Amino acid sequence: MDGGEGEAKGGVGSRRVSEDALERLAGRRWRIALALTGAMLATYFGFVLLVAYDKPLLATLLAPGLSLGILLGAVVILVAWGLTGIYVSWANRHYDAELARLRKSTRPAEGGGDQ
């Protein structure tokens, strides 16, 4: 009964469920984005604070031509790539799939054809 009949009559109940699901999905995306942003900010500002307050530590040579500062600078870049990869992976596996499911469940029965 909740298939085509509900949507032909307006589907107010199913639209509300879809809106709630969309809000939950947006909330999850926001939390993921905040967590990853926080991790990037901590990494970046941790490095900047080391540069500002402990230059002798960063000047420590690990190998000829390679200081701890150079290594940590590269690590900051790798962390940025890694966090981006985590977000893309999450978005591809969870966000996009759930968004497609929500779009499919709210399409009119006639198959609008405008997308």
PDB file of N, CA and C in Angstrom:
ATOM      1  N   MET A   1       0.811  -1.190   0.000  1.00  0.00           N
ATOM      2  CA  MET A   1       0.000   0.000   0.000  1.00  0.00           C
ATOM      3  C   MET A   1       0.854   1.255   0.000  1.00  0.00           C
ATOM      4  N   ASP A   2       2.065   1.197   0.578  1.00  0.00           N
ATOM      5  CA  ASP A   2       2.878   2.401   0.609  1.00  0.00           C
ATOM      6  C   ASP A   2       3.729   2.544  -0.639  1.00  0.00           C
ATOM      7  N   GLY A   3       3.497   1.729  -1.664  1.00  0.00           N
ATOM      8  CA  GLY A   3       4.244   1.826  -2.911  1.00  0.00           C
ATOM      9  C   GLY A   3       3.815   3.031  -3.726  1.00  0.00           C
ATOM     10  N   GLY A   4       3.019   2.815  -4.786  1.00  0.00           N
ATOM     11  CA  GLY A   4       2.627   3.893  -5.665  1.00  0.00           C
ATOM     12  C   GLY A   4       1.438   4.680  -5.156  1.00  0.00           C
ATOM     13  N   GLU A   5       0.536   4.042  -4.379  1.00  0.00           N
ATOM     14  CA  GLU A   5      -0.660   4.726  -3.920  1.00  0.00           C
ATOM     15  C   GLU A   5      -0.321   5.912  -3.028  1.00  0.00           C
ATOM     16  N   GLY A   6       0.588   5.737  -2.101  1.00  0.00           N
ATOM     17  CA  GLY A   6       0.940   6.817  -1.180  1.00  0.00           C
ATOM     18  C   GLY A   6       1.524   7.997  -1.927  1.00  0.00           C
ATOM     19  N   GLU A   7       2.331   7.730  -2.930  1.00  0.00           N
ATOM     20  CA  GLU A   7       2.941   8.819  -3.673  1.00  0.00           C
ATOM     21  C   GLU A   7       1.930   9.475  -4.602  1.00  0.00           C
ATOM     22  N   ALA A   8       0.992   8.693  -5.139  1.00  0.00           N
ATOM     23  CA  ALA A   8      -0.017   9.272  -6.014  1.00  0.00           C
ATOM     24  C   ALA A   8      -0.928  10.210  -5.220  1.00  0.00           C
ATOM     25  N   LYS A   9      -1.119   9.930  -3.927  1.00  0.00           N
ATOM     26  CA  LYS A   9      -1.964  10.771  -3.080  1.00  0.00           C
ATOM     27  C   LYS A   9      -1.163  11.884  -2.406  1.00  0.00           C
ATOM     28  N   GLY A  10       0.105  12.003  -2.679  1.00  0.00           N
ATOM     29  CA  GLY A  10       0.894  13.065  -2.067  1.00  0.00           C
ATOM     30  C   GLY A  10       2.066  12.531  -1.276  1.00  0.00           C
ATOM     31  N   GLY A  11       1.893  11.401  -0.627  1.00  0.00           N
ATOM     32  CA  GLY A  11       2.992  10.766   0.084  1.00  0.00           C
ATOM     33  C   GLY A  11       3.596  11.626   1.186  1.00  0.00           C
ATOM     34  N   VAL A  12       2.763  12.330   1.958  1.00  0.00           N
ATOM     35  CA  VAL A  12       3.271  13.226   2.993  1.00  0.00           C
ATOM     36  C   VAL A  12       4.075  12.449   4.019  1.00  0.00           C
ATOM     37  N   GLY A  13       3.589  11.292   4.431  1.00  0.00           N
ATOM     38  CA  GLY A  13       4.305  10.491   5.425  1.00  0.00           C
ATOM     39  C   GLY A  13       5.649  10.012   4.917  1.00  0.00           C
ATOM     40  N   SER A  14       5.677   9.522   3.666  1.00  0.00           N
ATOM     41  CA  SER A  14       6.940   9.019   3.119  1.00  0.00           C
ATOM     42  C   SER A  14       7.926  10.157   2.877  1.00  0.00           C
ATOM     43  N   ARG A  15       7.418  11.327   2.526  1.00  0.00           N
ATOM     44  CA  ARG A  15       8.314  12.487   2.343  1.00  0.00           C
ATOM     45  C   ARG A  15       8.927  12.908   3.670  1.00  0.00           C
ATOM     46  N   ARG A  16       8.157  12.847   4.740  1.00  0.00           N
ATOM     47  CA  ARG A  16       8.679  13.227   6.061  1.00  0.00           C
ATOM     48  C   ARG A  16       9.774  12.249   6.486  1.00  0.00           C
ATOM     49  N   VAL A  17       9.549  10.977   6.232  1.00  0.00           N
ATOM     50  CA  VAL A  17      10.570   9.978   6.550  1.00  0.00           C
ATOM     51  C   VAL A  17      11.830  10.253   5.734  1.00  0.00           C
ATOM     52  N   SER A  18      11.663  10.589   4.447  1.00  0.00           N
ATOM     53  CA  SER A  18      12.800  10.892   3.588  1.00  0.00           C
ATOM     54  C   SER A  18      13.532  12.145   4.064  1.00  0.00           C
ATOM     55  N   GLU A  19      12.770  13.154   4.486  1.00  0.00           N
ATOM     56  CA  GLU A  19      13.398  14.373   5.001  1.00  0.00           C
ATOM     57  C   GLU A  19      14.185  14.093   6.268  1.00  0.00           C
ATOM     58  N   ASP A  20      13.623  13.267   7.149  1.00  0.00           N
ATOM     59  CA  ASP A  20      14.334  12.891   8.379  1.00  0.00           C
ATOM     60  C   ASP A  20      15.606  12.119   8.051  1.00  0.00           C
ATOM     61  N   ALA A  21      15.503  11.200   7.106  1.00  0.00           N
ATOM     62  CA  ALA A  21      16.683  10.417   6.713  1.00  0.00           C
ATOM     63  C   ALA A  21      17.740  11.315   6.083  1.00  0.00           C
ATOM     64  N   LEU A  22      17.303  12.277   5.282  1.00  0.00           N
ATOM     65  CA  LEU A  22      18.237  13.211   4.665  1.00  0.00           C
ATOM     66  C   LEU A  22      18.918  14.082   5.723  1.00  0.00           C
ATOM     67  N   GLU A  23      18.158  14.521   6.715  1.00  0.00           N
ATOM     68  CA  GLU A  23      18.748  15.304   7.805  1.00  0.00           C
ATOM     69  C   GLU A  23      19.754  14.476   8.599  1.00  0.00           C
ATOM     70  N   ARG A  24      19.452  13.205   8.854  1.00  0.00           N
ATOM     71  CA  ARG A  24      20.407  12.333   9.553  1.00  0.00           C
ATOM     72  C   ARG A  24      21.671  12.139   8.729  1.00  0.00           C
ATOM     73  N   LEU A  25      21.491  11.962   7.424  1.00  0.00           N
ATOM     74  CA  LEU A  25      22.638  11.785   6.532  1.00  0.00           C
ATOM     75  C   LEU A  25      23.496  13.043   6.505  1.00  0.00           C
ATOM     76  N   ALA A  26      22.854  14.201   6.418  1.00  0.00           N
ATOM     77  CA  ALA A  26      23.599  15.461   6.430  1.00  0.00           C
ATOM     78  C   ALA A  26      24.330  15.640   7.761  1.00  0.00           C
ATOM     79  N   GLY A  27      23.705  15.234   8.844  1.00  0.00           N
ATOM     80  CA  GLY A  27      24.346  15.307  10.157  1.00  0.00           C
ATOM     81  C   GLY A  27      25.578  14.412  10.236  1.00  0.00           C
ATOM     82  N   ARG A  28      25.449  13.210   9.688  1.00  0.00           N
ATOM     83  CA  ARG A  28      26.619  12.307   9.668  1.00  0.00           C
ATOM     84  C   ARG A  28      27.742  12.900   8.840  1.00  0.00           C
ATOM     85  N   ARG A  29      27.412  13.467   7.686  1.00  0.00           N
ATOM     86  CA  ARG A  29      28.435  14.083   6.841  1.00  0.00           C
ATOM     87  C   ARG A  29      29.107  15.249   7.557  1.00  0.00           C
ATOM     88  N   TRP A  30      28.327  16.041   8.259  1.00  0.00           N
ATOM     89  CA  TRP A  30      28.858  17.173   9.008  1.00  0.00           C
ATOM     90  C   TRP A  30      29.810  16.701  10.111  1.00  0.00           C
ATOM     91  N   ARG A  31      29.430  15.644  10.830  1.00  0.00           N
ATOM     92  CA  ARG A  31      30.293  15.123  11.901  1.00  0.00           C
ATOM     93  C   ARG A  31      31.593  14.557  11.350  1.00  0.00           C
ATOM     94  N   ILE A  32      31.503  13.844  10.237  1.00  0.00           N
ATOM     95  CA  ILE A  32      32.719  13.318   9.601  1.00  0.00           C
ATOM     96  C   ILE A  32      33.613  14.471   9.168  1.00  0.00           C
ATOM     97  N   ALA A  33      33.021  15.469   8.535  1.00  0.00           N
ATOM     98  CA  ALA A  33      33.796  16.620   8.062  1.00  0.00           C
ATOM     99  C   ALA A  33      34.458  17.349   9.230  1.00  0.00           C
ATOM    100  N   LEU A  34      33.732  17.523  10.325  1.00  0.00           N
ATOM    101  CA  LEU A  34      34.313  18.193  11.495  1.00  0.00           C
ATOM    102  C   LEU A  34      35.459  17.386  12.099  1.00  0.00           C
ATOM    103  N   ALA A  35      35.290  16.086  12.192  1.00  0.00           N
ATOM    104  CA  ALA A  35      36.344  15.239  12.760  1.00  0.00           C
ATOM    105  C   ALA A  35      37.602  15.293  11.891  1.00  0.00           C
ATOM    106  N   LEU A  36      37.423  15.173  10.583  1.00  0.00           N
ATOM    107  CA  LEU A  36      38.578  15.203   9.694  1.00  0.00           C
ATOM    108  C   LEU A  36      39.228  16.588   9.661  1.00  0.00           C
ATOM    109  N   THR A  37      38.406  17.627   9.712  1.00  0.00           N
ATOM    110  CA  THR A  37      38.946  18.986   9.763  1.00  0.00           C
ATOM    111  C   THR A  37      39.728  19.194  11.057  1.00  0.00           C
ATOM    112  N   GLY A  38      39.190  18.722  12.156  1.00  0.00           N
ATOM    113  CA  GLY A  38      39.894  18.826  13.434  1.00  0.00           C
ATOM    114  C   GLY A  38      41.229  18.100  13.407  1.00  0.00           C
ATOM    115  N   ALA A  39      41.253  16.925  12.814  1.00  0.00           N
ATOM    116  CA  ALA A  39      42.506  16.171  12.702  1.00  0.00           C
ATOM    117  C   ALA A  39      43.525  16.924  11.857  1.00  0.00           C
ATOM    118  N   MET A  40      43.064  17.529  10.757  1.00  0.00           N
ATOM    119  CA  MET A  40      43.987  18.280   9.901  1.00  0.00           C
ATOM    120  C   MET A  40      44.497  19.527  10.603  1.00  0.00           C
ATOM    121  N   LEU A  41      43.617  20.232  11.289  1.00  0.00           N
ATOM    122  CA  LEU A  41      44.036  21.430  12.014  1.00  0.00           C
ATOM    123  C   LEU A  41      45.033  21.089  13.116  1.00  0.00           C
ATOM    124  N   ALA A  42      44.786  20.007  13.842  1.00  0.00           N
ATOM    125  CA  ALA A  42      45.714  19.601  14.894  1.00  0.00           C
ATOM    126  C   ALA A  42      47.083  19.257  14.310  1.00  0.00           C
ATOM    127  N   THR A  43      47.089  18.555  13.192  1.00  0.00           N
ATOM    128  CA  THR A  43      48.346  18.198  12.532  1.00  0.00           C
ATOM    129  C   THR A  43      49.090  19.448  12.069  1.00  0.00           C
ATOM    130  N   TYR A  44      48.385  20.316  11.372  1.00  0.00           N
ATOM    131  CA  TYR A  44      49.011  21.506  10.807  1.00  0.00           C
ATOM    132  C   TYR A  44      49.503  22.452  11.903  1.00  0.00           C
ATOM    133  N   PHE A  45      48.624  22.772  12.840  1.00  0.00           N
ATOM    134  CA  PHE A  45      49.032  23.716  13.879  1.00  0.00           C
ATOM    135  C   PHE A  45      50.045  23.107  14.836  1.00  0.00           C
ATOM    136  N   GLY A  46      50.012  21.802  15.009  1.00  0.00           N
ATOM    137  CA  GLY A  46      51.067  21.152  15.786  1.00  0.00           C
ATOM    138  C   GLY A  46      52.424  21.368  15.132  1.00  0.00           C
ATOM    139  N   PHE A  47      52.465  21.211  13.831  1.00  0.00           N
ATOM    140  CA  PHE A  47      53.710  21.444  13.094  1.00  0.00           C
ATOM    141  C   PHE A  47      54.128  22.915  13.169  1.00  0.00           C
ATOM    142  N   VAL A  48      53.187  23.819  12.968  1.00  0.00           N
ATOM    143  CA  VAL A  48      53.490  25.249  13.012  1.00  0.00           C
ATOM    144  C   VAL A  48      53.996  25.647  14.405  1.00  0.00           C
ATOM    145  N   LEU A  49      53.387  25.115  15.445  1.00  0.00           N
ATOM    146  CA  LEU A  49      53.842  25.428  16.800  1.00  0.00           C
ATOM    147  C   LEU A  49      55.240  24.883  17.056  1.00  0.00           C
ATOM    148  N   LEU A  50      55.538  23.717  16.513  1.00  0.00           N
ATOM    149  CA  LEU A  50      56.905  23.208  16.630  1.00  0.00           C
ATOM    150  C   LEU A  50      57.891  24.120  15.916  1.00  0.00           C
ATOM    151  N   VAL A  51      57.524  24.590  14.754  1.00  0.00           N
ATOM    152  CA  VAL A  51      58.385  25.516  14.016  1.00  0.00           C
ATOM    153  C   VAL A  51      58.599  26.793  14.827  1.00  0.00           C
ATOM    154  N   ALA A  52      57.542  27.269  15.456  1.00  0.00           N
ATOM    155  CA  ALA A  52      57.624  28.528  16.194  1.00  0.00           C
ATOM    156  C   ALA A  52      58.390  28.394  17.509  1.00  0.00           C
ATOM    157  N   TYR A  53      58.222  27.279  18.200  1.00  0.00           N
ATOM    158  CA  TYR A  53      58.735  27.191  19.562  1.00  0.00           C
ATOM    159  C   TYR A  53      59.857  26.176  19.788  1.00  0.00           C
ATOM    160  N   ASP A  54      60.134  25.316  18.839  1.00  0.00           N
ATOM    161  CA  ASP A  54      61.197  24.329  19.074  1.00  0.00           C
ATOM    162  C   ASP A  54      62.009  24.088  17.803  1.00  0.00           C
ATOM    163  N   LYS A  55      62.587  25.162  17.289  1.00  0.00           N
ATOM    164  CA  LYS A  55      63.409  25.051  16.078  1.00  0.00           C
ATOM    165  C   LYS A  55      64.583  24.088  16.263  1.00  0.00           C
ATOM    166  N   PRO A  56      65.250  24.084  17.428  1.00  0.00           N
ATOM    167  CA  PRO A  56      66.363  23.136  17.583  1.00  0.00           C
ATOM    168  C   PRO A  56      65.938  21.670  17.414  1.00  0.00           C
ATOM    169  N   LEU A  57      64.750  21.331  17.880  1.00  0.00           N
ATOM    170  CA  LEU A  57      64.267  19.954  17.702  1.00  0.00           C
ATOM    171  C   LEU A  57      64.087  19.645  16.217  1.00  0.00           C
ATOM    172  N   LEU A  58      63.481  20.577  15.485  1.00  0.00           N
ATOM    173  CA  LEU A  58      63.242  20.359  14.057  1.00  0.00           C
ATOM    174  C   LEU A  58      64.536  20.359  13.252  1.00  0.00           C
ATOM    175  N   ALA A  59      65.580  20.972  13.792  1.00  0.00           N
ATOM    176  CA  ALA A  59      66.869  21.010  13.098  1.00  0.00           C
ATOM    177  C   ALA A  59      67.668  19.722  13.293  1.00  0.00           C
ATOM    178  N   THR A  60      67.164  18.835  14.124  1.00  0.00           N
ATOM    179  CA  THR A  60      67.859  17.565  14.368  1.00  0.00           C
ATOM    180  C   THR A  60      68.007  16.794  13.061  1.00  0.00           C
ATOM    181  N   LEU A  61      69.242  16.428  12.746  1.00  0.00           N
ATOM    182  CA  LEU A  61      69.489  15.665  11.514  1.00  0.00           C
ATOM    183  C   LEU A  61      69.205  14.184  11.753  1.00  0.00           C
ATOM    184  N   LEU A  62      68.398  13.631  10.920  1.00  0.00           N
ATOM    185  CA  LEU A  62      68.084  12.198  10.987  1.00  0.00           C
ATOM    186  C   LEU A  62      68.991  11.408  10.057  1.00  0.00           C
ATOM    187  N   ALA A  63      69.358  12.040   8.977  1.00  0.00           N
ATOM    188  CA  ALA A  63      70.274  11.468   7.994  1.00  0.00           C
ATOM    189  C   ALA A  63      70.903  12.660   7.281  1.00  0.00           C
ATOM    190  N   PRO A  64      72.009  12.457   6.593  1.00  0.00           N
ATOM    191  CA  PRO A  64      72.603  13.596   5.878  1.00  0.00           C
ATOM    192  C   PRO A  64      71.587  14.222   4.910  1.00  0.00           C
ATOM    193  N   GLY A  65      71.284  15.511   5.107  1.00  0.00           N
ATOM    194  CA  GLY A  65      70.342  16.217   4.251  1.00  0.00           C
ATOM    195  C   GLY A  65      68.887  16.064   4.648  1.00  0.00           C
ATOM    196  N   LEU A  66      68.600  15.330   5.721  1.00  0.00           N
ATOM    197  CA  LEU A  66      67.206  15.121   6.150  1.00  0.00           C
ATOM    198  C   LEU A  66      67.072  15.475   7.622  1.00  0.00           C
ATOM    199  N   SER A  67      66.390  16.584   7.870  1.00  0.00           N
ATOM    200  CA  SER A  67      66.141  16.982   9.258  1.00  0.00           C
ATOM    201  C   SER A  67      64.756  16.512   9.684  1.00  0.00           C
ATOM    202  N   LEU A  68      64.530  16.556  10.975  1.00  0.00           N
ATOM    203  CA  LEU A  68      63.221  16.187  11.500  1.00  0.00           C
ATOM    204  C   LEU A  68      62.142  17.140  10.970  1.00  0.00           C
ATOM    205  N   GLY A  69      62.488  18.414  10.803  1.00  0.00           N
ATOM    206  CA  GLY A  69      61.536  19.398  10.275  1.00  0.00           C
ATOM    207  C   GLY A  69      61.072  19.060   8.865  1.00  0.00           C
ATOM    208  N   ILE A  70      62.014  18.660   8.010  1.00  0.00           N
ATOM    209  CA  ILE A  70      61.655  18.278   6.633  1.00  0.00           C
ATOM    210  C   ILE A  70      60.754  17.044   6.654  1.00  0.00           C
ATOM    211  N   LEU A  71      61.115  16.079   7.471  1.00  0.00           N
ATOM    212  CA  LEU A  71      60.317  14.856   7.568  1.00  0.00           C
ATOM    213  C   LEU A  71      58.905  15.162   8.063  1.00  0.00           C
ATOM    214  N   LEU A  72      58.797  15.973   9.116  1.00  0.00           N
ATOM    215  CA  LEU A  72      57.469  16.299   9.644  1.00  0.00           C
ATOM    216  C   LEU A  72      56.660  17.144   8.660  1.00  0.00           C
ATOM    217  N   GLY A  73      57.318  18.008   7.899  1.00  0.00           N
ATOM    218  CA  GLY A  73      56.615  18.762   6.855  1.00  0.00           C
ATOM    219  C   GLY A  73      56.006  17.836   5.819  1.00  0.00           C
ATOM    220  N   ALA A  74      56.767  16.815   5.433  1.00  0.00           N
ATOM    221  CA  ALA A  74      56.240  15.828   4.483  1.00  0.00           C
ATOM    222  C   ALA A  74      55.099  15.030   5.110  1.00  0.00           C
ATOM    223  N   VAL A  75      55.219  14.736   6.404  1.00  0.00           N
ATOM    224  CA  VAL A  75      54.156  14.001   7.094  1.00  0.00           C
ATOM    225  C   VAL A  75      52.862  14.812   7.107  1.00  0.00           C
ATOM    226  N   VAL A  76      52.956  16.139   7.285  1.00  0.00           N
ATOM    227  CA  VAL A  76      51.760  16.985   7.254  1.00  0.00           C
ATOM    228  C   VAL A  76      51.066  16.837   5.901  1.00  0.00           C
ATOM    229  N   ILE A  77      51.822  16.832   4.827  1.00  0.00           N
ATOM    230  CA  ILE A  77      51.243  16.673   3.486  1.00  0.00           C
ATOM    231  C   ILE A  77      50.615  15.297   3.334  1.00  0.00           C
ATOM    232  N   LEU A  78      51.300  14.269   3.809  1.00  0.00           N
ATOM    233  CA  LEU A  78      50.762  12.908   3.717  1.00  0.00           C
ATOM    234  C   LEU A  78      49.487  12.754   4.542  1.00  0.00           C
ATOM    235  N   VAL A  79      49.444  13.391   5.710  1.00  0.00           N
ATOM    236  CA  VAL A  79      48.231  13.346   6.534  1.00  0.00           C
ATOM    237  C   VAL A  79      47.066  14.001   5.787  1.00  0.00           C
ATOM    238  N   ALA A  80      47.328  15.131   5.122  1.00  0.00           N
ATOM    239  CA  ALA A  80      46.270  15.791   4.346  1.00  0.00           C
ATOM    240  C   ALA A  80      45.745  14.860   3.255  1.00  0.00           C
ATOM    241  N   TRP A  81      46.639  14.208   2.548  1.00  0.00           N
ATOM    242  CA  TRP A  81      46.217  13.251   1.513  1.00  0.00           C
ATOM    243  C   TRP A  81      45.425  12.096   2.131  1.00  0.00           C
ATOM    244  N   GLY A  82      45.923  11.589   3.242  1.00  0.00           N
ATOM    245  CA  GLY A  82      45.248  10.471   3.903  1.00  0.00           C
ATOM    246  C   GLY A  82      43.849  10.834   4.371  1.00  0.00           C
ATOM    247  N   LEU A  83      43.704  12.002   4.986  1.00  0.00           N
ATOM    248  CA  LEU A  83      42.389  12.433   5.452  1.00  0.00           C
ATOM    249  C   LEU A  83      41.441  12.666   4.282  1.00  0.00           C
ATOM    250  N   THR A  84      41.957  13.197   3.186  1.00  0.00           N
ATOM    251  CA  THR A  84      41.138  13.364   1.987  1.00  0.00           C
ATOM    252  C   THR A  84      40.689  11.998   1.470  1.00  0.00           C
ATOM    253  N   GLY A  85      41.603  11.047   1.452  1.00  0.00           N
ATOM    254  CA  GLY A  85      41.258   9.686   1.020  1.00  0.00           C
ATOM    255  C   GLY A  85      40.207   9.053   1.911  1.00  0.00           C
ATOM    256  N   ILE A  86      40.311   9.282   3.209  1.00  0.00           N
ATOM    257  CA  ILE A  86      39.312   8.746   4.141  1.00  0.00           C
ATOM    258  C   ILE A  86      37.940   9.323   3.821  1.00  0.00           C
ATOM    259  N   TYR A  87      37.879  10.641   3.595  1.00  0.00           N
ATOM    260  CA  TYR A  87      36.589  11.264   3.296  1.00  0.00           C
ATOM    261  C   TYR A  87      36.019  10.749   1.973  1.00  0.00           C
ATOM    262  N   VAL A  88      36.849  10.683   0.955  1.00  0.00           N
ATOM    263  CA  VAL A  88      36.380  10.214  -0.354  1.00  0.00           C
ATOM    264  C   VAL A  88      35.876   8.778  -0.250  1.00  0.00           C
ATOM    265  N   SER A  89      36.620   7.952   0.463  1.00  0.00           N
ATOM    266  CA  SER A  89      36.214   6.561   0.640  1.00  0.00           C
ATOM    267  C   SER A  89      34.880   6.478   1.376  1.00  0.00           C
ATOM    268  N   TRP A  90      34.737   7.236   2.455  1.00  0.00           N
ATOM    269  CA  TRP A  90      33.477   7.237   3.204  1.00  0.00           C
ATOM    270  C   TRP A  90      32.336   7.737   2.329  1.00  0.00           C
ATOM    271  N   ALA A  91      32.579   8.829   1.618  1.00  0.00           N
ATOM    272  CA  ALA A  91      31.524   9.406   0.778  1.00  0.00           C
ATOM    273  C   ALA A  91      31.101   8.427  -0.313  1.00  0.00           C
ATOM    274  N   ASN A  92      32.055   7.766  -0.932  1.00  0.00           N
ATOM    275  CA  ASN A  92      31.720   6.813  -2.001  1.00  0.00           C
ATOM    276  C   ASN A  92      30.963   5.613  -1.467  1.00  0.00           C
ATOM    277  N   ARG A  93      31.370   5.106  -0.320  1.00  0.00           N
ATOM    278  CA  ARG A  93      30.748   3.893   0.210  1.00  0.00           C
ATOM    279  C   ARG A  93      29.435   4.149   0.921  1.00  0.00           C
ATOM    280  N   HIS A  94      29.329   5.229   1.649  1.00  0.00           N
ATOM    281  CA  HIS A  94      28.161   5.442   2.499  1.00  0.00           C
ATOM    282  C   HIS A  94      27.279   6.601   2.024  1.00  0.00           C
ATOM    283  N   TYR A  95      27.852   7.778   1.904  1.00  0.00           N
ATOM    284  CA  TYR A  95      27.065   8.973   1.615  1.00  0.00           C
ATOM    285  C   TYR A  95      26.378   8.892   0.255  1.00  0.00           C
ATOM    286  N   ASP A  96      27.137   8.641  -0.795  1.00  0.00           N
ATOM    287  CA  ASP A  96      26.562   8.601  -2.146  1.00  0.00           C
ATOM    288  C   ASP A  96      25.520   7.500  -2.279  1.00  0.00           C
ATOM    289  N   ALA A  97      25.790   6.338  -1.705  1.00  0.00           N
ATOM    290  CA  ALA A  97      24.837   5.226  -1.797  1.00  0.00           C
ATOM    291  C   ALA A  97      23.540   5.564  -1.076  1.00  0.00           C
ATOM    292  N   GLU A  98      23.653   6.135   0.115  1.00  0.00           N
ATOM    293  CA  GLU A  98      22.451   6.489   0.872  1.00  0.00           C
ATOM    294  C   GLU A  98      21.680   7.621   0.190  1.00  0.00           C
ATOM    295  N   LEU A  99      22.391   8.604  -0.357  1.00  0.00           N
ATOM    296  CA  LEU A  99      21.740   9.703  -1.063  1.00  0.00           C
ATOM    297  C   LEU A  99      21.002   9.189  -2.300  1.00  0.00           C
ATOM    298  N   ALA A 100      21.613   8.279  -3.033  1.00  0.00           N
ATOM    299  CA  ALA A 100      20.948   7.690  -4.204  1.00  0.00           C
ATOM    300  C   ALA A 100      19.698   6.924  -3.787  1.00  0.00           C
ATOM    301  N   ARG A 101      19.790   6.194  -2.677  1.00  0.00           N
ATOM    302  CA  ARG A 101      18.631   5.448  -2.182  1.00  0.00           C
ATOM    303  C   ARG A 101      17.505   6.414  -1.809  1.00  0.00           C
ATOM    304  N   LEU A 102      17.849   7.527  -1.150  1.00  0.00           N
ATOM    305  CA  LEU A 102      16.823   8.503  -0.763  1.00  0.00           C
ATOM    306  C   LEU A 102      16.202   9.166  -1.989  1.00  0.00           C
ATOM    307  N   ARG A 103      17.015   9.484  -2.969  1.00  0.00           N
ATOM    308  CA  ARG A 103      16.477  10.090  -4.197  1.00  0.00           C
ATOM    309  C   ARG A 103      15.519   9.136  -4.897  1.00  0.00           C
ATOM    310  N   LYS A 104      15.913   7.871  -4.961  1.00  0.00           N
ATOM    311  CA  LYS A 104      15.075   6.870  -5.627  1.00  0.00           C
ATOM    312  C   LYS A 104      13.748   6.689  -4.896  1.00  0.00           C
ATOM    313  N   SER A 105      13.779   6.744  -3.566  1.00  0.00           N
ATOM    314  CA  SER A 105      12.551   6.528  -2.800  1.00  0.00           C
ATOM    315  C   SER A 105      11.607   7.714  -2.837  1.00  0.00           C
ATOM    316  N   THR A 106      12.091   8.896  -3.240  1.00  0.00           N
ATOM    317  CA  THR A 106      11.210  10.070  -3.266  1.00  0.00           C
ATOM    318  C   THR A 106      10.812  10.483  -4.677  1.00  0.00           C
ATOM    319  N   ARG A 107      11.265   9.766  -5.696  1.00  0.00           N
ATOM    320  CA  ARG A 107      10.884  10.107  -7.072  1.00  0.00           C
ATOM    321  C   ARG A 107       9.410   9.811  -7.303  1.00  0.00           C
ATOM    322  N   PRO A 108       8.761  10.639  -8.116  1.00  0.00           N
ATOM    323  CA  PRO A 108       7.359  10.373  -8.447  1.00  0.00           C
ATOM    324  C   PRO A 108       7.215   9.068  -9.211  1.00  0.00           C
ATOM    325  N   ALA A 109       6.067   8.457  -9.110  1.00  0.00           N
ATOM    326  CA  ALA A 109       5.798   7.159  -9.743  1.00  0.00           C
ATOM    327  C   ALA A 109       5.860   7.237 -11.256  1.00  0.00           C
ATOM    328  N   GLU A 110       5.590   8.431 -11.844  1.00  0.00           N
ATOM    329  CA  GLU A 110       5.594   8.554 -13.293  1.00  0.00           C
ATOM    330  C   GLU A 110       6.999   8.454 -13.867  1.00  0.00           C
ATOM    331  N   GLY A 111       8.032   8.671 -13.075  1.00  0.00           N
ATOM    332  CA  GLY A 111       9.402   8.647 -13.598  1.00  0.00           C
ATOM    333  C   GLY A 111       9.742   9.935 -14.296  1.00  0.00           C
ATOM    334  N   GLY A 112       9.603  11.067 -13.626  1.00  0.00           N
ATOM    335  CA  GLY A 112       9.793  12.427 -14.114  1.00  0.00           C
ATOM    336  C   GLY A 112      10.705  12.628 -15.292  1.00  0.00           C
ATOM    337  N   GLY A 113      11.852  11.974 -15.390  1.00  0.00           N
ATOM    338  CA  GLY A 113      12.706  12.054 -16.552  1.00  0.00           C
ATOM    339  C   GLY A 113      13.494  13.331 -16.696  1.00  0.00           C
ATOM    340  N   ASP A 114      13.479  14.240 -15.695  1.00  0.00           N
ATOM    341  CA  ASP A 114      14.249  15.468 -15.834  1.00  0.00           C
ATOM    342  C   ASP A 114      15.668  15.335 -15.330  1.00  0.00           C
ATOM    343  N   GLN A 115      16.087  14.156 -14.901  1.00  0.00           N
ATOM    344  CA  GLN A 115      17.487  13.983 -14.456  1.00  0.00           C
ATOM    345  C   GLN A 115      18.185  13.055 -15.332  1.00  0.00           C
TER     346      GLN A 115
END
